[in-house]
Each structure stands twice: as C-alpha cells, then as structure tokens.
Amino acid sequence: MTQSLPALFVPHGAPTFALRPGAAGAAIAAAARQLPLPRAIVIVSAHWDTAEPTVGYAVRPETIHDFWGFPEELYALNYPATGCREAADEVVAAIRSAGLPVASDAGRGLDHGAWVPLRLMFPEADVPVIPLSIQSHGGPQQAYALGRALAPLAAKGFLVIASGNVTHNLRDYQMAWRNGGQTPAYVREFTDWLSERLQAGDIDALLDYRRQSPGGVQAHPSDEHLLPLYVALGAAGENASTERFHAGIDDYVIAMDAYSFLPQ
C-alpha cells in the first residue's frame, strides 16, 4: 500500500525568494528531501485565481515571470517541469466526486507562487506537476472544501503543495521600508494565533479568522495569500496532525511560516 503523503503549506515570499532563499528556503528544501518521491505534485498557488477550480494539463508548463521591476537574473530562471494528463485526470475526478465544479486549462504554466518553491524543493524537476487554481471569491470555506476533495489523493502518491504566505500586506511593507524596517505587532500576533488554532484543530475559528484572530484583516487585506493554507489543511483530511516546520519574517511584514499536515 502506498504511504500517504502529507499536504504542505509553504511560503513563496517576494519573487527575490528565488535568489535569496535563506532559512525558509532551506527549511522547505529539507522537508521535501525527507519525503518519498511523489507520483505527482498538485501545486496550489495564490497567484492563480479563477471562478471555479481549474486543473492545468500542460505537458510542459512554462515558467511564468509574473512580476515587474525585479533584478534581471530573476527573469533568466526557469523550472523545466513536466505535466501528466493521467494525474491531472485523477485530480479532476477527485474534485468532481466531491460535488465541486471543475474546469481544465491545457496551457496554464507555473506562476512564481508555484515555480519558486518547486525549484527549491524539487530542483531536478523529476516529479510531474499539476497546477490547481484557488477561488478567492469563495473565501476560506471554499478553499477548505477544495482541499477536502483532494484528500483521497494522498494515499495514491500525490503530494499537495499549497503556496502562499501567512501574512501578506504590501502596503505595510512599503510603510515599513520607508520608516526604518520595524515589523508591525500584528504580524507576530496573527502568526502565533494561527499556529495555536492549527495545533488545536480549531477549524471553526480558522475559517472565521477575519473576525476571530488578532490582526487577521491587517495581515490579509484580501484572502488570496492565505487561502492555499486552507487547501493544504483540507487535503490532509480529518484530524490531521500539524507541524509548523519553519517560522520567520522576511521583508518586515511577510511571515514565511511553513506547515506540514499529516493524514491520520
């Protein structure tokens, strides 16, 4: 019987994370090395947002440099991923079996929320990659439901990697940069609250984070960078064990926490 793989939530930070991975990059690379080689990776990025869940079918998904004004060497980086139609079909079937709508995209490549962490975690690009979109209009509840739909895939050798950030407020980044680089208090308050609620398995509070957490709305003026965490949490199924295997802050306000959710 195939060993069930964990679902992972990893940070992608600013695009320069690809050039300066630091402690967070080392942590997610080490986490990948500790896993058996997956049959396929389902990558969920905060930067692919669609009206309904959409599965990428590209045979060789392109590396999308979806950012502007960064160092030239970033635009020279590529991740030579391959897709897998059979694996993509299984992702579609799992989502459909859960009663959710699902679409496909034959040409979707990998945005920086996908290829930056994948390049650090699987540098040989030796595992097929299946992109899956988020739906920001559905909020945490829909993202969690999407993750639950993926849960049966863990026992079939699929590794769900969800990529976002535990805090993501670019306006506060600009203010911190101008004002000497002080990290606002809400960054640590929210990350600590999130970790505590995840460890406690308090799904109701997590889904209602905008009302119940300290600093949640400031940490996420919009949901999209936190929604991948709910997909990963759901993909581990009920009563999953939670491990925060990295915690840190980059660029004053971007929490780089990483989590592993292990099915029971």
C-alpha atoms as a PDB file:
ATOM      1  CA  MET A   1       0.000   0.000   0.000  1.00  0.00           C
ATOM      2  CA  THR A   2       1.307   3.468  -0.925  1.00  0.00           C
ATOM      3  CA  GLN A   3       2.281   5.590   2.049  1.00  0.00           C
ATOM      4  CA  SER A   4       0.011   8.610   2.447  1.00  0.00           C
ATOM      5  CA  LEU A   5       1.916  11.809   1.911  1.00  0.00           C
ATOM      6  CA  PRO A   6       1.428  14.958   3.968  1.00  0.00           C
ATOM      7  CA  ALA A   7      -0.027  18.119   2.495  1.00  0.00           C
ATOM      8  CA  LEU A   8       2.345  21.072   2.713  1.00  0.00           C
ATOM      9  CA  PHE A   9       1.813  24.805   3.005  1.00  0.00           C
ATOM     10  CA  VAL A  10       4.959  26.678   2.005  1.00  0.00           C
ATOM     11  CA  PRO A  11       5.811  30.368   1.606  1.00  0.00           C
ATOM     12  CA  HIS A  12       6.849  31.971  -1.646  1.00  0.00           C
ATOM     13  CA  GLY A  13       7.590  35.444  -0.269  1.00  0.00           C
ATOM     14  CA  ALA A  14       8.680  38.110  -2.731  1.00  0.00           C
ATOM     15  CA  PRO A  15       9.985  36.916  -6.130  1.00  0.00           C
ATOM     16  CA  THR A  16      13.535  37.519  -4.857  1.00  0.00           C
ATOM     17  CA  PHE A  17      12.996  34.478  -2.605  1.00  0.00           C
ATOM     18  CA  ALA A  18      14.205  32.538  -5.662  1.00  0.00           C
ATOM     19  CA  LEU A  19      17.582  34.310  -5.450  1.00  0.00           C
ATOM     20  CA  ARG A  20      17.893  34.583  -1.665  1.00  0.00           C
ATOM     21  CA  PRO A  21      16.020  31.614  -0.183  1.00  0.00           C
ATOM     22  CA  GLY A  22      17.566  31.975   3.273  1.00  0.00           C
ATOM     23  CA  ALA A  23      16.311  29.957   6.227  1.00  0.00           C
ATOM     24  CA  ALA A  24      12.810  29.479   4.812  1.00  0.00           C
ATOM     25  CA  GLY A  25      14.186  28.109   1.568  1.00  0.00           C
ATOM     26  CA  ALA A  26      16.475  25.721   3.429  1.00  0.00           C
ATOM     27  CA  ALA A  27      13.540  24.517   5.538  1.00  0.00           C
ATOM     28  CA  ILE A  28      11.213  23.735   2.640  1.00  0.00           C
ATOM     29  CA  ALA A  29      14.037  22.063   0.698  1.00  0.00           C
ATOM     30  CA  ALA A  30      14.826  19.879   3.710  1.00  0.00           C
ATOM     31  CA  ALA A  31      11.151  18.988   4.129  1.00  0.00           C
ATOM     32  CA  ALA A  32      10.995  17.798   0.516  1.00  0.00           C
ATOM     33  CA  ARG A  33      14.129  15.673   0.918  1.00  0.00           C
ATOM     34  CA  GLN A  34      12.549  13.815   3.821  1.00  0.00           C
ATOM     35  CA  LEU A  35       9.598  12.638   1.725  1.00  0.00           C
ATOM     36  CA  PRO A  36       9.357   9.600  -0.522  1.00  0.00           C
ATOM     37  CA  LEU A  37       9.331  10.669  -4.156  1.00  0.00           C
ATOM     38  CA  PRO A  38       5.732  11.562  -5.026  1.00  0.00           C
ATOM     39  CA  ARG A  39       3.953  10.187  -8.045  1.00  0.00           C
ATOM     40  CA  ALA A  40       2.802  13.720  -8.874  1.00  0.00           C
ATOM     41  CA  ILE A  41       2.636  17.152  -7.253  1.00  0.00           C
ATOM     42  CA  VAL A  42      -0.543  19.200  -7.101  1.00  0.00           C
ATOM     43  CA  ILE A  43       0.651  22.796  -6.758  1.00  0.00           C
ATOM     44  CA  VAL A  44      -1.813  25.390  -5.495  1.00  0.00           C
ATOM     45  CA  SER A  45      -0.599  28.970  -5.865  1.00  0.00           C
ATOM     46  CA  ALA A  46      -2.127  32.160  -4.502  1.00  0.00           C
ATOM     47  CA  HIS A  47      -1.397  33.690  -7.909  1.00  0.00           C
ATOM     48  CA  TRP A  48      -3.750  31.517  -9.971  1.00  0.00           C
ATOM     49  CA  ASP A  49      -7.239  32.671  -9.096  1.00  0.00           C
ATOM     50  CA  THR A  50     -10.236  31.545 -11.171  1.00  0.00           C
ATOM     51  CA  ALA A  51     -14.018  31.491 -10.923  1.00  0.00           C
ATOM     52  CA  GLU A  52     -14.065  27.704 -10.389  1.00  0.00           C
ATOM     53  CA  PRO A  53     -11.397  25.114  -9.569  1.00  0.00           C
ATOM     54  CA  THR A  54      -9.236  24.684 -12.651  1.00  0.00           C
ATOM     55  CA  VAL A  55      -6.654  21.975 -13.274  1.00  0.00           C
ATOM     56  CA  GLY A  56      -3.636  22.549 -15.522  1.00  0.00           C
ATOM     57  CA  TYR A  57      -2.982  19.988 -18.263  1.00  0.00           C
ATOM     58  CA  ALA A  58       0.107  21.437 -19.936  1.00  0.00           C
ATOM     59  CA  VAL A  59       2.623  18.761 -20.949  1.00  0.00           C
ATOM     60  CA  ARG A  60       5.480  21.175 -20.269  1.00  0.00           C
ATOM     61  CA  PRO A  61       4.101  24.056 -18.213  1.00  0.00           C
ATOM     62  CA  GLU A  62       6.028  27.234 -18.911  1.00  0.00           C
ATOM     63  CA  THR A  63       7.787  29.250 -16.236  1.00  0.00           C
ATOM     64  CA  ILE A  64       5.747  32.443 -15.876  1.00  0.00           C
ATOM     65  CA  HIS A  65       7.661  35.527 -14.727  1.00  0.00           C
ATOM     66  CA  ASP A  66       4.586  37.316 -13.424  1.00  0.00           C
ATOM     67  CA  PHE A  67       6.369  40.252 -11.787  1.00  0.00           C
ATOM     68  CA  TRP A  68       7.950  43.509 -12.842  1.00  0.00           C
ATOM     69  CA  GLY A  69      10.846  45.674 -11.758  1.00  0.00           C
ATOM     70  CA  PHE A  70      12.978  42.950 -10.171  1.00  0.00           C
ATOM     71  CA  PRO A  71      16.641  42.023 -10.827  1.00  0.00           C
ATOM     72  CA  GLU A  72      17.327  40.768 -14.350  1.00  0.00           C
ATOM     73  CA  GLU A  73      18.692  37.445 -13.112  1.00  0.00           C
ATOM     74  CA  LEU A  74      15.221  36.519 -11.882  1.00  0.00           C
ATOM     75  CA  TYR A  75      13.877  36.595 -15.430  1.00  0.00           C
ATOM     76  CA  ALA A  76      16.553  34.125 -16.541  1.00  0.00           C
ATOM     77  CA  LEU A  77      15.409  31.472 -14.068  1.00  0.00           C
ATOM     78  CA  ASN A  78      13.296  28.608 -15.357  1.00  0.00           C
ATOM     79  CA  TYR A  79      11.797  25.464 -13.915  1.00  0.00           C
ATOM     80  CA  PRO A  80      11.597  22.687 -16.530  1.00  0.00           C
ATOM     81  CA  ALA A  81       8.547  20.944 -15.105  1.00  0.00           C
ATOM     82  CA  THR A  82       6.552  18.295 -16.918  1.00  0.00           C
ATOM     83  CA  GLY A  83       2.854  17.620 -16.591  1.00  0.00           C
ATOM     84  CA  CYS A  84       0.922  14.350 -16.638  1.00  0.00           C
ATOM     85  CA  ARG A  85      -2.500  14.013 -18.222  1.00  0.00           C
ATOM     86  CA  GLU A  86      -3.328  10.833 -16.297  1.00  0.00           C
ATOM     87  CA  ALA A  87      -2.541  12.510 -12.964  1.00  0.00           C
ATOM     88  CA  ALA A  88      -4.474  15.635 -13.962  1.00  0.00           C
ATOM     89  CA  ASP A  89      -7.464  13.436 -14.807  1.00  0.00           C
ATOM     90  CA  GLU A  90      -7.335  11.978 -11.291  1.00  0.00           C
ATOM     91  CA  VAL A  91      -7.287  15.457  -9.753  1.00  0.00           C
ATOM     92  CA  VAL A  92     -10.324  16.434 -11.833  1.00  0.00           C
ATOM     93  CA  ALA A  93     -12.115  13.215 -10.841  1.00  0.00           C
ATOM     94  CA  ALA A  94     -11.432  13.797  -7.138  1.00  0.00           C
ATOM     95  CA  ILE A  95     -12.813  17.337  -7.267  1.00  0.00           C
ATOM     96  CA  ARG A  96     -15.855  16.230  -9.266  1.00  0.00           C
ATOM     97  CA  SER A  97     -16.514  13.343  -6.870  1.00  0.00           C
ATOM     98  CA  ALA A  98     -16.719  15.855  -4.021  1.00  0.00           C
ATOM     99  CA  GLY A  99     -19.528  17.651  -5.829  1.00  0.00           C
ATOM    100  CA  LEU A 100     -17.488  20.714  -6.771  1.00  0.00           C
ATOM    101  CA  PRO A 101     -17.366  22.238 -10.243  1.00  0.00           C
ATOM    102  CA  VAL A 102     -14.072  21.796 -12.057  1.00  0.00           C
ATOM    103  CA  ALA A 103     -12.536  23.030 -15.304  1.00  0.00           C
ATOM    104  CA  SER A 104      -9.302  22.338 -17.155  1.00  0.00           C
ATOM    105  CA  ASP A 105      -6.683  24.546 -18.797  1.00  0.00           C
ATOM    106  CA  ALA A 106      -4.408  22.982 -21.402  1.00  0.00           C
ATOM    107  CA  GLY A 107      -1.966  25.872 -21.475  1.00  0.00           C
ATOM    108  CA  ARG A 108      -1.529  27.033 -17.900  1.00  0.00           C
ATOM    109  CA  GLY A 109       2.080  27.468 -16.818  1.00  0.00           C
ATOM    110  CA  LEU A 110       3.639  27.925 -13.386  1.00  0.00           C
ATOM    111  CA  ASP A 111       3.496  31.415 -11.849  1.00  0.00           C
ATOM    112  CA  HIS A 112       6.125  32.464  -9.327  1.00  0.00           C
ATOM    113  CA  GLY A 113       3.986  31.220  -6.447  1.00  0.00           C
ATOM    114  CA  ALA A 114       4.408  27.757  -7.957  1.00  0.00           C
ATOM    115  CA  TRP A 115       7.837  27.588  -9.564  1.00  0.00           C
ATOM    116  CA  VAL A 116       9.811  29.448  -6.906  1.00  0.00           C
ATOM    117  CA  PRO A 117       9.133  26.924  -4.105  1.00  0.00           C
ATOM    118  CA  LEU A 118       9.177  23.964  -6.520  1.00  0.00           C
ATOM    119  CA  ARG A 119      12.609  24.974  -7.771  1.00  0.00           C
ATOM    120  CA  LEU A 120      13.878  24.885  -4.181  1.00  0.00           C
ATOM    121  CA  MET A 121      12.068  21.700  -3.155  1.00  0.00           C
ATOM    122  CA  PHE A 122      12.420  19.566  -6.286  1.00  0.00           C
ATOM    123  CA  PRO A 123      15.401  21.077  -8.126  1.00  0.00           C
ATOM    124  CA  GLU A 124      15.689  18.135 -10.527  1.00  0.00           C
ATOM    125  CA  ALA A 125      12.123  18.711 -11.767  1.00  0.00           C
ATOM    126  CA  ASP A 126      11.711  14.938 -11.707  1.00  0.00           C
ATOM    127  CA  VAL A 127       8.085  14.801 -10.488  1.00  0.00           C
ATOM    128  CA  PRO A 128       5.112  15.677 -12.735  1.00  0.00           C
ATOM    129  CA  VAL A 129       3.421  18.925 -11.682  1.00  0.00           C
ATOM    130  CA  ILE A 130      -0.323  19.577 -11.834  1.00  0.00           C
ATOM    131  CA  PRO A 131      -1.321  23.220 -11.199  1.00  0.00           C
ATOM    132  CA  LEU A 132      -4.638  23.851  -9.424  1.00  0.00           C
ATOM    133  CA  SER A 133      -6.252  27.276  -9.009  1.00  0.00           C
ATOM    134  CA  ILE A 134      -7.801  28.960  -5.983  1.00  0.00           C
ATOM    135  CA  GLN A 135     -11.116  30.829  -5.894  1.00  0.00           C
ATOM    136  CA  SER A 136     -10.729  33.972  -3.821  1.00  0.00           C
ATOM    137  CA  HIS A 137     -14.430  34.786  -4.084  1.00  0.00           C
ATOM    138  CA  GLY A 138     -15.215  31.642  -2.065  1.00  0.00           C
ATOM    139  CA  GLY A 139     -13.082  32.520   0.950  1.00  0.00           C
ATOM    140  CA  PRO A 140     -11.621  30.054   3.436  1.00  0.00           C
ATOM    141  CA  GLN A 141     -14.690  27.790   3.434  1.00  0.00           C
ATOM    142  CA  GLN A 142     -14.447  27.085  -0.271  1.00  0.00           C
ATOM    143  CA  ALA A 143     -10.663  26.634  -0.134  1.00  0.00           C
ATOM    144  CA  TYR A 144     -11.024  24.134   2.698  1.00  0.00           C
ATOM    145  CA  ALA A 145     -13.705  22.252   0.755  1.00  0.00           C
ATOM    146  CA  LEU A 146     -11.418  22.123  -2.265  1.00  0.00           C
ATOM    147  CA  GLY A 147      -8.680  20.679  -0.092  1.00  0.00           C
ATOM    148  CA  ARG A 148     -11.035  18.058   1.339  1.00  0.00           C
ATOM    149  CA  ALA A 149     -11.811  16.996  -2.211  1.00  0.00           C
ATOM    150  CA  LEU A 150      -8.101  16.313  -2.748  1.00  0.00           C
ATOM    151  CA  ALA A 151      -7.692  14.241   0.438  1.00  0.00           C
ATOM    152  CA  PRO A 152      -8.095  10.801  -1.239  1.00  0.00           C
ATOM    153  CA  LEU A 153      -5.125  11.567  -3.492  1.00  0.00           C
ATOM    154  CA  ALA A 154      -2.621  11.411  -0.607  1.00  0.00           C
ATOM    155  CA  ALA A 155      -2.883   7.622  -0.473  1.00  0.00           C
ATOM    156  CA  LYS A 156      -2.280   7.460  -4.239  1.00  0.00           C
ATOM    157  CA  GLY A 157       1.127   9.104  -4.127  1.00  0.00           C
ATOM    158  CA  PHE A 158       0.074  12.692  -4.793  1.00  0.00           C
ATOM    159  CA  LEU A 159       1.785  15.470  -2.863  1.00  0.00           C
ATOM    160  CA  VAL A 160      -0.306  18.612  -2.390  1.00  0.00           C
ATOM    161  CA  ILE A 161       1.882  21.702  -2.053  1.00  0.00           C
ATOM    162  CA  ALA A 162      -0.008  24.914  -1.346  1.00  0.00           C
ATOM    163  CA  SER A 163       1.967  28.139  -1.740  1.00  0.00           C
ATOM    164  CA  GLY A 164       1.094  31.491  -0.186  1.00  0.00           C
ATOM    165  CA  ASN A 165       2.093  33.481   2.881  1.00  0.00           C
ATOM    166  CA  VAL A 166       0.780  33.566   6.442  1.00  0.00           C
ATOM    167  CA  THR A 167       0.850  37.381   6.317  1.00  0.00           C
ATOM    168  CA  HIS A 168       0.758  39.484   3.164  1.00  0.00           C
ATOM    169  CA  ASN A 169       0.197  43.232   3.302  1.00  0.00           C
ATOM    170  CA  LEU A 170       2.216  45.006   0.613  1.00  0.00           C
ATOM    171  CA  ARG A 171       1.120  48.471   1.712  1.00  0.00           C
ATOM    172  CA  ASP A 172       2.521  47.811   5.183  1.00  0.00           C
ATOM    173  CA  TYR A 173       5.718  46.533   3.577  1.00  0.00           C
ATOM    174  CA  GLN A 174       6.133  49.843   1.780  1.00  0.00           C
ATOM    175  CA  MET A 175       5.479  51.767   5.001  1.00  0.00           C
ATOM    176  CA  ALA A 176       7.942  49.632   6.968  1.00  0.00           C
ATOM    177  CA  TRP A 177      10.597  50.063   4.287  1.00  0.00           C
ATOM    178  CA  ARG A 178      10.190  53.844   4.376  1.00  0.00           C
ATOM    179  CA  ASN A 179      10.099  54.026   8.182  1.00  0.00           C
ATOM    180  CA  GLY A 180      13.154  52.041   9.128  1.00  0.00           C
ATOM    181  CA  GLY A 181      12.011  48.450   8.813  1.00  0.00           C
ATOM    182  CA  GLN A 182      10.055  47.866  12.008  1.00  0.00           C
ATOM    183  CA  THR A 183       7.780  44.813  11.966  1.00  0.00           C
ATOM    184  CA  PRO A 184       4.208  45.688  12.998  1.00  0.00           C
ATOM    185  CA  ALA A 185       2.952  43.864  16.087  1.00  0.00           C
ATOM    186  CA  TYR A 186       0.065  42.220  14.246  1.00  0.00           C
ATOM    187  CA  VAL A 187       2.469  40.101  12.162  1.00  0.00           C
ATOM    188  CA  ARG A 188       3.578  38.016  15.135  1.00  0.00           C
ATOM    189  CA  GLU A 189       0.202  38.183  16.870  1.00  0.00           C
ATOM    190  CA  PHE A 190      -1.568  36.723  13.861  1.00  0.00           C
ATOM    191  CA  THR A 191       1.047  34.073  13.093  1.00  0.00           C
ATOM    192  CA  ASP A 192       1.002  32.895  16.720  1.00  0.00           C
ATOM    193  CA  TRP A 193      -2.808  32.772  16.774  1.00  0.00           C
ATOM    194  CA  LEU A 194      -2.853  30.812  13.526  1.00  0.00           C
ATOM    195  CA  SER A 195      -0.321  28.301  14.801  1.00  0.00           C
ATOM    196  CA  GLU A 196      -2.237  27.799  18.046  1.00  0.00           C
ATOM    197  CA  ARG A 197      -5.553  27.256  16.264  1.00  0.00           C
ATOM    198  CA  LEU A 198      -3.978  24.832  13.791  1.00  0.00           C
ATOM    199  CA  GLN A 199      -2.369  22.827  16.582  1.00  0.00           C
ATOM    200  CA  ALA A 200      -5.720  22.726  18.386  1.00  0.00           C
ATOM    201  CA  GLY A 201      -7.562  21.619  15.248  1.00  0.00           C
ATOM    202  CA  ASP A 202      -9.981  24.518  15.684  1.00  0.00           C
ATOM    203  CA  ILE A 203     -11.376  24.542  12.167  1.00  0.00           C
ATOM    204  CA  ASP A 204     -14.314  26.809  13.021  1.00  0.00           C
ATOM    205  CA  ALA A 205     -12.033  29.570  14.316  1.00  0.00           C
ATOM    206  CA  LEU A 206      -9.642  29.182  11.394  1.00  0.00           C
ATOM    207  CA  LEU A 207     -12.421  29.530   8.848  1.00  0.00           C
ATOM    208  CA  ASP A 208     -13.649  32.638  10.686  1.00  0.00           C
ATOM    209  CA  TYR A 209     -10.171  34.149  11.047  1.00  0.00           C
ATOM    210  CA  ARG A 210     -11.202  37.595   9.837  1.00  0.00           C
ATOM    211  CA  ARG A 211     -13.452  38.039  12.872  1.00  0.00           C
ATOM    212  CA  GLN A 212     -11.724  35.914  15.500  1.00  0.00           C
ATOM    213  CA  SER A 213      -7.997  36.474  15.035  1.00  0.00           C
ATOM    214  CA  PRO A 214      -5.861  39.385  16.234  1.00  0.00           C
ATOM    215  CA  GLY A 215      -4.704  41.334  13.207  1.00  0.00           C
ATOM    216  CA  GLY A 216      -6.149  38.958  10.628  1.00  0.00           C
ATOM    217  CA  VAL A 217      -7.655  41.643   8.425  1.00  0.00           C
ATOM    218  CA  GLN A 218      -4.464  43.693   8.506  1.00  0.00           C
ATOM    219  CA  ALA A 219      -2.386  40.590   7.838  1.00  0.00           C
ATOM    220  CA  HIS A 220      -4.586  39.877   4.812  1.00  0.00           C
ATOM    221  CA  PRO A 221      -6.370  42.873   3.295  1.00  0.00           C
ATOM    222  CA  SER A 222      -7.557  40.257   0.788  1.00  0.00           C
ATOM    223  CA  ASP A 223      -7.701  36.495   1.314  1.00  0.00           C
ATOM    224  CA  GLU A 224      -5.782  35.078  -1.607  1.00  0.00           C
ATOM    225  CA  HIS A 225      -2.362  34.529   0.007  1.00  0.00           C
ATOM    226  CA  LEU A 226      -3.834  32.647   2.973  1.00  0.00           C
ATOM    227  CA  LEU A 227      -6.315  30.520   1.032  1.00  0.00           C
ATOM    228  CA  PRO A 228      -3.717  27.930  -0.068  1.00  0.00           C
ATOM    229  CA  LEU A 229      -3.204  27.071   3.608  1.00  0.00           C
ATOM    230  CA  TYR A 230      -6.846  26.001   3.842  1.00  0.00           C
ATOM    231  CA  VAL A 231      -6.437  23.833   0.758  1.00  0.00           C
ATOM    232  CA  ALA A 232      -3.449  22.076   2.340  1.00  0.00           C
ATOM    233  CA  LEU A 233      -5.272  21.686   5.653  1.00  0.00           C
ATOM    234  CA  GLY A 234      -8.287  20.161   3.945  1.00  0.00           C
ATOM    235  CA  ALA A 235      -6.153  17.890   1.773  1.00  0.00           C
ATOM    236  CA  ALA A 236      -4.841  16.103   4.866  1.00  0.00           C
ATOM    237  CA  GLY A 237      -8.365  15.013   5.833  1.00  0.00           C
ATOM    238  CA  GLU A 238      -9.993  14.959   9.240  1.00  0.00           C
ATOM    239  CA  ASN A 239      -7.921  15.024  12.427  1.00  0.00           C
ATOM    240  CA  ALA A 240      -4.653  15.641  10.600  1.00  0.00           C
ATOM    241  CA  SER A 241      -1.601  16.318  12.715  1.00  0.00           C
ATOM    242  CA  THR A 242       0.010  19.726  12.255  1.00  0.00           C
ATOM    243  CA  GLU A 243       3.691  20.620  12.280  1.00  0.00           C
ATOM    244  CA  ARG A 244       4.967  24.159  11.801  1.00  0.00           C
ATOM    245  CA  PHE A 245       8.416  23.298  10.491  1.00  0.00           C
ATOM    246  CA  HIS A 246       9.558  26.860   9.841  1.00  0.00           C
ATOM    247  CA  ALA A 247       8.681  30.260  11.286  1.00  0.00           C
ATOM    248  CA  GLY A 248      10.209  33.570  10.321  1.00  0.00           C
ATOM    249  CA  ILE A 249       9.614  37.012   8.849  1.00  0.00           C
ATOM    250  CA  ASP A 250      11.097  38.393   5.631  1.00  0.00           C
ATOM    251  CA  ASP A 251      10.813  41.932   4.285  1.00  0.00           C
ATOM    252  CA  TYR A 252       9.464  43.281   7.592  1.00  0.00           C
ATOM    253  CA  VAL A 253       5.886  42.042   7.199  1.00  0.00           C
ATOM    254  CA  ILE A 254       5.883  38.770   5.217  1.00  0.00           C
ATOM    255  CA  ALA A 255       5.612  35.760   7.513  1.00  0.00           C
ATOM    256  CA  MET A 256       7.414  32.796   5.954  1.00  0.00           C
ATOM    257  CA  ASP A 257       5.895  30.078   8.124  1.00  0.00           C
ATOM    258  CA  ALA A 258       5.657  26.589   6.622  1.00  0.00           C
ATOM    259  CA  TYR A 259       3.372  23.757   7.699  1.00  0.00           C
ATOM    260  CA  SER A 260       3.036  20.046   7.195  1.00  0.00           C
ATOM    261  CA  PHE A 261      -0.381  18.414   7.634  1.00  0.00           C
ATOM    262  CA  LEU A 262      -0.160  14.650   8.004  1.00  0.00           C
ATOM    263  CA  PRO A 263      -3.215  12.441   7.423  1.00  0.00           C
ATOM    264  CA  GLN A 264      -4.210  10.169  10.292  1.00  0.00           C
END
